[in-house]
């Protein structure tokens, strides 16, 4: 198959074949990172990419920059605090201005849903969604899938439990869509206020106690409470202490899990809240492997969106 998509707004709409194309190219780049120093490429030499992060980020922003530079692109990090946005310039006028500079791609993260699509209306290059509100975070899901794939190989044979704040997590939304596209059994676990029943319409199981399902899970994906979004919407969220009693991944609780069950976390982790320090630092936790996968996935997407080449797949 060829590749004709120029933008990535979400996991929704990507086919199983397209997901595996991304994963195969990502695996090629991840393997290349094992060299010391990590291998660099010239595929995107001459391309200019602007990273526009209107929300705080470490893993996503830095890994995009690393990926862009390893692919040979010229990278600019848009500083919101030093931009004309602070003078009252509208978002649309800001995008029009960047478009007039003949930039090839924009990577954007924003607290409002739909901002990547709005960006595309006024920008002629490629747009990559680095997280929009509570909507989607597609590159996070792709890196999660890559880390899973390297450990389990067949998505149809595993049971993934997604634990924590499902309601406000764009990561959870994207991951559910991606896993269901690949035929994976998915269970959602969390407090009722953060896990409405309408999620059942997505073809997943719902549990309100982790202990009721932990022994059946092959991968336990744990999220922190998204306080930066939840507080804005004033929901009834549990206290950190109450949350930890029912959902924290700790040593006593992990004794009930399968011996080979893996743990995943998108970061940042609030240690001894949703996950204990001992478990987070254990060999069963793939959190740092996920970070490595993030650079590789973003390299693959840049290749696909800007060059349309799948020769590494």
Protein backbone atom coordinates (compact mmCIF):
# COMPACT_ATOMS: atom_id res chain seq x y z
CA UNK A 1 0.00 0.00 0.00
CA UNK A 2 1.06 3.59 -0.57
CA UNK A 3 0.74 6.52 1.84
CA UNK A 4 -1.22 9.60 0.89
CA UNK A 5 -2.16 11.18 4.24
CA UNK A 6 -0.54 14.56 4.85
CA UNK A 7 -1.88 15.12 8.36
CA UNK A 8 -2.48 13.19 11.58
CA UNK A 9 -5.38 14.55 13.62
CA UNK A 10 -6.17 11.37 15.53
CA UNK A 11 -6.10 7.57 15.57
CA UNK A 12 -9.75 7.55 14.54
CA UNK A 13 -9.90 6.95 10.80
CA UNK A 14 -6.61 5.05 10.54
CA UNK A 15 -7.00 1.49 9.25
CA UNK A 16 -5.36 -1.60 10.67
CA UNK A 17 -3.05 -1.69 7.66
CA UNK A 18 -2.05 1.95 8.16
CA UNK A 19 -1.33 1.36 11.84
CA UNK A 20 0.96 -1.53 11.02
CA UNK A 21 2.71 0.50 8.31
CA UNK A 22 3.52 3.14 10.93
CA UNK A 23 4.65 0.49 13.43
CA UNK A 24 6.96 -1.25 10.96
CA UNK A 25 8.71 1.97 9.97
CA UNK A 26 8.87 3.00 13.62
CA UNK A 27 10.54 -0.30 14.50
CA UNK A 28 13.20 0.40 11.85
CA UNK A 29 13.95 3.77 13.42
CA UNK A 30 13.87 2.40 16.96
CA UNK A 31 16.45 -0.21 16.02
CA UNK A 32 18.61 2.55 14.50
CA UNK A 33 18.59 4.33 17.87
CA UNK A 34 20.45 1.43 19.48
CA UNK A 35 23.67 2.59 17.78
CA UNK A 36 25.97 4.89 19.76
CA UNK A 37 25.55 7.64 18.77
CA UNK A 38 22.04 7.08 17.46
CA UNK A 39 21.91 7.05 13.67
CA UNK A 40 20.81 10.25 11.94
CA UNK A 41 19.18 10.60 8.52
CA UNK A 42 19.03 13.24 5.78
CA UNK A 43 15.60 12.32 4.44
CA UNK A 44 14.03 15.61 5.56
CA UNK A 45 16.96 17.87 4.86
CA UNK A 46 15.60 21.21 3.66
CA UNK A 47 12.22 20.80 5.42
CA UNK A 48 11.17 23.24 8.14
CA UNK A 49 8.97 22.16 11.06
CA UNK A 50 7.46 24.41 13.72
CA UNK A 51 6.56 22.95 17.12
CA UNK A 52 3.68 24.91 18.67
CA UNK A 53 2.98 23.82 22.25
CA UNK A 54 0.31 25.84 24.03
CA UNK A 55 0.38 23.32 26.91
CA UNK A 56 3.27 22.15 29.08
CA UNK A 57 5.09 19.07 27.80
CA UNK A 58 8.37 17.24 28.28
CA UNK A 59 8.16 13.88 26.54
CA UNK A 60 6.10 14.87 23.52
CA UNK A 61 7.79 18.19 22.79
CA UNK A 62 11.38 17.01 23.27
CA UNK A 63 10.86 13.73 21.40
CA UNK A 64 9.36 15.57 18.44
CA UNK A 65 12.37 17.87 18.35
CA UNK A 66 14.79 14.95 18.62
CA UNK A 67 12.90 13.09 15.86
CA UNK A 68 12.91 16.12 13.55
CA UNK A 69 16.63 16.72 13.97
CA UNK A 70 17.51 13.05 13.52
CA UNK A 71 15.59 13.14 10.24
CA UNK A 72 17.60 16.16 9.10
CA UNK A 73 14.83 18.78 9.33
CA UNK A 74 15.21 22.39 10.47
CA UNK A 75 13.25 22.77 13.71
CA UNK A 76 11.72 25.86 15.32
CA UNK A 77 10.12 25.80 18.78
CA UNK A 78 7.34 28.40 18.90
CA UNK A 79 7.47 30.22 22.25
CA UNK A 80 3.93 31.27 23.16
CA UNK A 81 5.11 33.55 25.96
CA UNK A 82 7.38 35.49 23.58
CA UNK A 83 4.96 35.57 20.64
CA UNK A 84 2.43 38.10 19.38
CA UNK A 85 -0.29 35.96 20.96
CA UNK A 86 0.58 37.84 24.13
CA UNK A 87 -0.11 41.10 22.28
CA UNK A 88 -3.60 39.97 21.35
CA UNK A 89 -2.97 38.35 17.96
CA UNK A 90 -5.61 35.73 17.19
CA UNK A 91 -4.70 32.08 16.79
CA UNK A 92 -5.82 32.14 13.16
CA UNK A 93 -3.63 35.14 12.34
CA UNK A 94 -0.69 33.40 14.01
CA UNK A 95 -1.16 30.32 11.80
CA UNK A 96 -1.55 32.48 8.68
CA UNK A 97 1.70 34.22 9.55
CA UNK A 98 3.59 30.95 9.92
CA UNK A 99 2.05 29.68 6.69
CA UNK A 100 3.35 32.76 4.87
CA UNK A 101 6.88 31.73 5.88
CA UNK A 102 6.55 28.59 3.69
CA UNK A 103 6.90 26.18 6.60
CA UNK A 104 6.45 22.49 5.75
CA UNK A 105 4.82 21.16 8.92
CA UNK A 106 3.33 22.24 12.24
CA UNK A 107 3.27 20.04 15.34
CA UNK A 108 0.64 21.44 17.67
CA UNK A 109 -0.57 20.84 21.22
CA UNK A 110 -3.45 22.85 22.62
CA UNK A 111 -5.95 22.72 25.48
CA UNK A 112 -8.90 23.10 23.09
CA UNK A 113 -10.34 20.20 21.11
CA UNK A 114 -10.26 20.57 17.32
CA UNK A 115 -7.31 22.98 17.15
CA UNK A 116 -5.30 20.76 14.74
CA UNK A 117 -8.22 20.78 12.29
CA UNK A 118 -8.56 24.55 12.66
CA UNK A 119 -4.82 24.90 12.03
CA UNK A 120 -5.16 22.94 8.79
CA UNK A 121 -7.78 25.39 7.46
CA UNK A 122 -5.13 28.14 7.37
CA UNK A 123 -1.95 26.14 6.83
CA UNK A 124 -0.92 24.49 3.58
CA UNK A 125 1.65 22.08 5.02
CA UNK A 126 1.29 18.98 7.19
CA UNK A 127 -0.30 19.17 10.65
CA UNK A 128 0.50 16.70 13.43
CA UNK A 129 -1.69 16.62 16.51
CA UNK A 130 0.44 16.49 19.66
CA UNK A 131 -2.67 16.46 21.87
CA UNK A 132 -5.84 18.56 21.71
CA UNK A 133 -7.91 19.04 24.85
CA UNK A 134 -9.66 15.86 25.90
CA UNK A 135 -10.01 14.72 22.28
CA UNK A 136 -6.99 12.72 21.06
CA UNK A 137 -3.24 12.22 21.42
CA UNK A 138 -2.43 10.04 18.39
CA UNK A 139 1.36 9.89 18.61
CA UNK A 140 1.15 8.74 22.23
CA UNK A 141 -1.03 5.82 21.17
CA UNK A 142 1.27 4.92 18.29
CA UNK A 143 4.29 4.78 20.58
CA UNK A 144 2.27 2.73 23.08
CA UNK A 145 1.32 0.30 20.34
CA UNK A 146 4.96 0.02 19.26
CA UNK A 147 6.11 -0.86 22.79
CA UNK A 148 3.27 -3.38 23.12
CA UNK A 149 3.98 -4.92 19.71
CA UNK A 150 7.62 -5.56 20.56
CA UNK A 151 6.61 -7.50 23.66
CA UNK A 152 3.40 -9.31 22.71
CA UNK A 153 3.45 -9.39 18.88
CA UNK A 154 -0.23 -10.33 18.39
CA UNK A 155 -2.75 -7.72 19.48
CA UNK A 156 -5.67 -10.11 19.11
CA UNK A 157 -4.33 -12.41 21.82
CA UNK A 158 -4.05 -9.95 24.69
CA UNK A 159 -6.30 -8.24 27.23
CA UNK A 160 -5.41 -4.63 28.04
CA UNK A 161 -6.75 -2.88 31.13
CA UNK A 162 -6.78 0.92 31.07
CA UNK A 163 -6.91 2.23 34.63
CA UNK A 164 -7.60 5.66 36.08
CA UNK A 165 -8.99 8.91 34.71
CA UNK A 166 -10.62 7.79 31.47
CA UNK A 167 -13.08 10.66 31.15
CA UNK A 168 -10.55 13.48 30.71
CA UNK A 169 -7.69 11.52 29.14
CA UNK A 170 -7.09 12.12 25.44
CA UNK A 171 -4.46 9.39 25.71
CA UNK A 172 -7.11 6.89 26.79
CA UNK A 173 -9.48 7.86 23.99
CA UNK A 174 -6.82 7.40 21.30
CA UNK A 175 -5.55 4.15 22.82
CA UNK A 176 -9.03 2.63 22.99
CA UNK A 177 -9.61 3.43 19.32
CA UNK A 178 -6.22 2.03 18.30
CA UNK A 179 -6.53 -1.19 20.28
CA UNK A 180 -10.07 -1.88 19.08
CA UNK A 181 -8.94 -1.32 15.48
CA UNK A 182 -6.30 -4.00 16.04
CA UNK A 183 -8.78 -6.46 17.56
CA UNK A 184 -7.60 -6.23 21.18
CA UNK A 185 -9.81 -6.98 24.18
CA UNK A 186 -10.00 -3.79 26.28
CA UNK A 187 -11.31 -3.20 29.80
CA UNK A 188 -11.62 0.22 31.41
CA UNK A 189 -11.18 0.50 35.17
CA UNK A 190 -11.80 3.57 37.30
CA UNK A 191 -14.14 5.47 39.62
CA UNK A 192 -17.71 5.93 38.29
CA UNK A 193 -17.33 9.73 38.12
CA UNK A 194 -14.40 9.32 35.71
CA UNK A 195 -15.80 6.35 33.80
CA UNK A 196 -19.32 7.01 32.45
CA UNK A 197 -21.31 4.02 31.20
CA UNK A 198 -21.43 5.38 27.65
CA UNK A 199 -17.91 4.04 27.17
CA UNK A 200 -19.55 0.61 26.81
CA UNK A 201 -20.71 1.77 23.38
CA UNK A 202 -17.04 1.63 22.33
CA UNK A 203 -17.01 -2.16 22.68
CA UNK A 204 -15.09 -2.25 25.95
CA UNK A 205 -15.74 -3.73 29.40
CA UNK A 206 -16.12 -1.46 32.44
CA UNK A 207 -14.98 -2.20 35.98
CA UNK A 208 -15.04 0.07 39.01
CA UNK A 209 -12.55 -1.98 41.05
CA UNK A 210 -9.13 -2.95 39.77
CA UNK A 211 -8.99 -5.98 42.04
CA UNK A 212 -11.97 -7.50 40.19
CA UNK A 213 -10.10 -7.77 36.88
CA UNK A 214 -6.34 -7.43 37.50
CA UNK A 215 -5.70 -11.19 37.38
CA UNK A 216 -6.99 -11.37 33.79
CA UNK A 217 -4.91 -8.55 32.30
CA UNK A 218 -1.83 -8.97 30.12
CA UNK A 219 -1.07 -5.25 30.08
CA UNK A 220 -2.07 -2.79 32.80
CA UNK A 221 -2.03 0.78 31.50
CA UNK A 222 -2.32 3.25 34.37
CA UNK A 223 -3.16 6.99 34.18
CA UNK A 224 -2.92 9.78 36.68
CA UNK A 225 -5.90 12.00 37.45
CA UNK A 226 -5.94 14.78 34.86
CA UNK A 227 -6.25 17.60 37.38
CA UNK A 228 -5.17 20.28 34.92
CA UNK A 229 -8.32 19.56 32.88
CA UNK A 230 -10.67 18.20 35.53
CA UNK A 231 -10.34 21.21 37.81
CA UNK A 232 -11.43 23.48 34.97
CA UNK A 233 -14.60 21.45 34.54
CA UNK A 234 -15.20 21.03 38.30
CA UNK A 235 -16.12 17.33 38.28
CA UNK A 236 -16.52 15.12 41.32
CA UNK A 237 -13.06 13.58 41.34
CA UNK A 238 -11.79 11.32 44.11
CA UNK A 239 -9.03 12.46 46.44
CA UNK A 240 -5.56 11.13 45.69
CA UNK A 241 -5.76 8.98 48.82
CA UNK A 242 -9.12 7.46 47.91
CA UNK A 243 -7.95 6.87 44.36
CA UNK A 244 -4.82 5.09 45.56
CA UNK A 245 -6.79 2.68 47.76
CA UNK A 246 -8.74 1.27 44.82
CA UNK A 247 -6.49 1.78 41.80
CA UNK A 248 -2.85 2.27 42.76
CA UNK A 249 -0.48 -0.26 41.22
CA UNK A 250 1.64 -1.39 44.16
CA UNK A 251 3.41 -4.55 45.20
CA UNK A 252 0.51 -6.17 47.11
CA UNK A 253 -1.90 -5.52 44.24
CA UNK A 254 0.56 -6.73 41.59
CA UNK A 255 0.81 -10.06 43.42
CA UNK A 256 -2.71 -10.71 42.11
CA UNK A 257 -1.67 -10.01 38.51
CA UNK A 258 -0.31 -12.45 35.96
CA UNK A 259 3.38 -13.14 36.49
CA UNK A 260 4.22 -11.80 33.04
CA UNK A 261 1.78 -8.88 33.04
CA UNK A 262 3.35 -5.65 31.82
CA UNK A 263 2.76 -2.13 33.15
CA UNK A 264 2.54 1.00 31.02
CA UNK A 265 2.25 4.67 31.90
CA UNK A 266 2.27 7.67 29.52
CA UNK A 267 3.96 9.99 32.03
CA UNK A 268 4.34 12.10 33.92
CA UNK A 269 3.84 9.66 36.78
CA UNK A 270 2.81 10.90 40.20
CA UNK A 271 4.79 8.41 42.22
CA UNK A 272 2.94 6.70 45.08
CA UNK A 273 -0.36 8.03 43.75
CA UNK A 274 -1.50 5.93 40.78
CA UNK A 275 1.65 3.79 40.91
CA UNK A 276 4.13 3.00 43.65
CA UNK A 277 7.79 3.88 43.18
CA UNK A 278 8.81 0.22 43.46
CA UNK A 279 6.46 -0.84 40.67
CA UNK A 280 7.22 2.15 38.44
CA UNK A 281 10.95 1.42 38.66
CA UNK A 282 10.54 -2.34 38.15
CA UNK A 283 11.49 -4.23 34.99
CA UNK A 284 7.81 -4.92 34.32
CA UNK A 285 7.12 -1.24 33.71
CA UNK A 286 7.63 -0.07 30.12
CA UNK A 287 7.42 3.68 30.81
CA UNK A 288 10.95 4.48 29.65
CA UNK A 289 10.68 2.12 26.69
CA UNK A 290 7.57 4.07 25.70
CA UNK A 291 9.66 7.26 25.67
CA UNK A 292 12.18 5.62 23.34
CA UNK A 293 9.34 4.41 21.12
CA UNK A 294 8.06 7.99 21.00
CA UNK A 295 11.10 9.29 19.15
CA UNK A 296 10.94 6.43 16.64
CA UNK A 297 7.20 6.82 15.98
CA UNK A 298 7.55 10.55 15.38
CA UNK A 299 10.43 9.93 12.96
CA UNK A 300 8.23 7.47 11.07
CA UNK A 301 5.29 9.88 10.90
CA UNK A 302 7.48 12.70 9.62
CA UNK A 303 8.73 10.41 6.86
CA UNK A 304 5.22 9.34 5.90
CA UNK A 305 3.53 12.74 6.02
CA UNK A 306 6.27 14.81 4.40
CA UNK A 307 7.74 12.31 1.93
CA UNK A 308 4.95 9.74 1.50
CA UNK A 309 7.58 7.00 1.50
CA UNK A 310 7.03 3.58 3.07
CA UNK A 311 10.30 2.02 1.87
CA UNK A 312 11.40 1.12 5.40
CA UNK A 313 8.18 -0.81 6.13
